[in-house]
Amino acid sequence: MNIEIHERNRFNELLHKIHNNIEDTAFKLLLSIPEDVIPSSLMNWAEHYIDKRMNELQYQLIRDNWRSVELEKAAVQLNSKKLK
C-alpha cells in the first residue's frame, strides 16, 4: 500500500480550472460552427484531442477508483488495530 498525503496547491488548482474553462469554451464555439465551414485539419485535430482527453479521463477514473479502494482497506486495517 502506497498512500501519500500532499498539501493542496491552490495555484495549480486555479490553473487547472482556468484551463478547463478555456477548453470548454473552445469546444462550445467549435460546436456552434457548421461542419461545412470548419477545415478538415481542425476537425481531425479536435477528434484526436478528444480521443486523447477521453483516454486521460478514463485512466484518471481507474486510478481514483484504485486509490479509494486502497484508502478503504487502510481504514479497515486501522479500525481493526484500534479494536485489538
Protein backbone atom coordinates (compact mmCIF):
# COMPACT_ATOMS: atom_id res chain seq x y z
CA MET A 1 0.00 0.00 0.00
CA ASN A 2 1.44 3.34 -1.08
CA ILE A 3 -0.61 6.30 0.14
CA GLU A 4 0.80 9.79 0.23
CA ILE A 5 -0.87 12.89 1.59
CA HIS A 6 0.05 16.09 -0.20
CA GLU A 7 -0.74 19.66 0.71
CA ARG A 8 -3.24 21.25 -1.68
CA ASN A 9 -1.70 23.58 -4.22
CA ARG A 10 -4.41 26.18 -4.77
CA PHE A 11 -2.48 27.89 -7.58
CA ASN A 12 -2.30 24.67 -9.60
CA GLU A 13 -5.99 24.05 -8.91
CA LEU A 14 -6.77 27.55 -10.22
CA LEU A 15 -4.69 26.96 -13.36
CA HIS A 16 -6.48 23.64 -14.00
CA LYS A 17 -9.85 25.32 -13.54
CA ILE A 18 -8.91 28.10 -15.99
CA HIS A 19 -7.59 25.56 -18.50
CA ASN A 20 -10.78 23.51 -18.27
CA ASN A 21 -12.94 26.61 -18.76
CA ILE A 22 -10.93 27.65 -21.83
CA GLU A 23 -11.20 24.12 -23.20
CA ASP A 24 -14.98 24.05 -22.65
CA THR A 25 -15.43 27.45 -24.29
CA ALA A 26 -13.32 26.46 -27.31
CA PHE A 27 -15.35 23.30 -27.88
CA LYS A 28 -18.65 25.15 -27.44
CA LEU A 29 -17.51 27.60 -30.11
CA LEU A 30 -16.36 24.77 -32.36
CA LEU A 31 -19.71 23.01 -31.97
CA SER A 32 -21.62 26.19 -32.81
CA ILE A 33 -19.89 26.48 -36.20
CA PRO A 34 -21.42 24.47 -39.07
CA GLU A 35 -19.28 21.49 -40.09
CA ASP A 36 -19.09 22.71 -43.69
CA VAL A 37 -17.16 25.80 -42.57
CA ILE A 38 -14.65 24.04 -40.30
CA PRO A 39 -11.44 22.96 -42.06
CA SER A 40 -10.86 19.21 -42.09
CA SER A 41 -7.45 19.63 -40.43
CA LEU A 42 -9.12 21.34 -37.46
CA MET A 43 -11.75 18.60 -37.28
CA ASN A 44 -9.03 15.92 -37.33
CA TRP A 45 -7.12 17.73 -34.60
CA ALA A 46 -10.27 18.04 -32.48
CA GLU A 47 -11.04 14.34 -32.94
CA HIS A 48 -7.52 13.30 -31.89
CA TYR A 49 -7.60 15.71 -28.97
CA ILE A 50 -10.95 14.40 -27.77
CA ASP A 51 -9.74 10.80 -28.00
CA LYS A 52 -6.59 11.67 -26.05
CA ARG A 53 -8.58 13.54 -23.41
CA MET A 54 -11.07 10.67 -23.04
CA ASN A 55 -8.20 8.22 -22.51
CA GLU A 56 -6.68 10.51 -19.87
CA LEU A 57 -10.01 10.79 -18.05
CA GLN A 58 -10.56 7.02 -18.17
CA TYR A 59 -7.07 6.49 -16.74
CA GLN A 60 -7.78 9.04 -14.02
CA LEU A 61 -11.06 7.31 -13.13
CA ILE A 62 -9.33 3.94 -12.84
CA ARG A 63 -6.53 5.44 -10.75
CA ASP A 64 -9.01 7.21 -8.46
CA ASN A 65 -11.04 4.01 -8.02
CA TRP A 66 -7.91 2.07 -7.05
CA ARG A 67 -6.90 4.85 -4.67
CA SER A 68 -10.30 4.81 -2.96
CA VAL A 69 -10.13 1.01 -2.60
CA GLU A 70 -6.68 1.29 -1.05
CA LEU A 71 -7.88 4.02 1.33
CA GLU A 72 -10.84 1.88 2.37
CA LYS A 73 -8.51 -1.05 3.04
CA ALA A 74 -6.23 1.20 5.10
CA ALA A 75 -9.22 2.48 7.11
CA VAL A 76 -10.36 -1.08 7.81
CA GLN A 77 -6.84 -2.04 8.94
CA LEU A 78 -6.63 0.98 11.22
CA ASN A 79 -10.02 0.23 12.74
CA SER A 80 -9.11 -3.43 13.29
CA LYS A 81 -5.85 -2.38 15.01
CA LYS A 82 -7.76 0.04 17.27
CA LEU A 83 -10.16 -2.71 18.31
CA LYS A 84 -7.32 -5.05 19.38
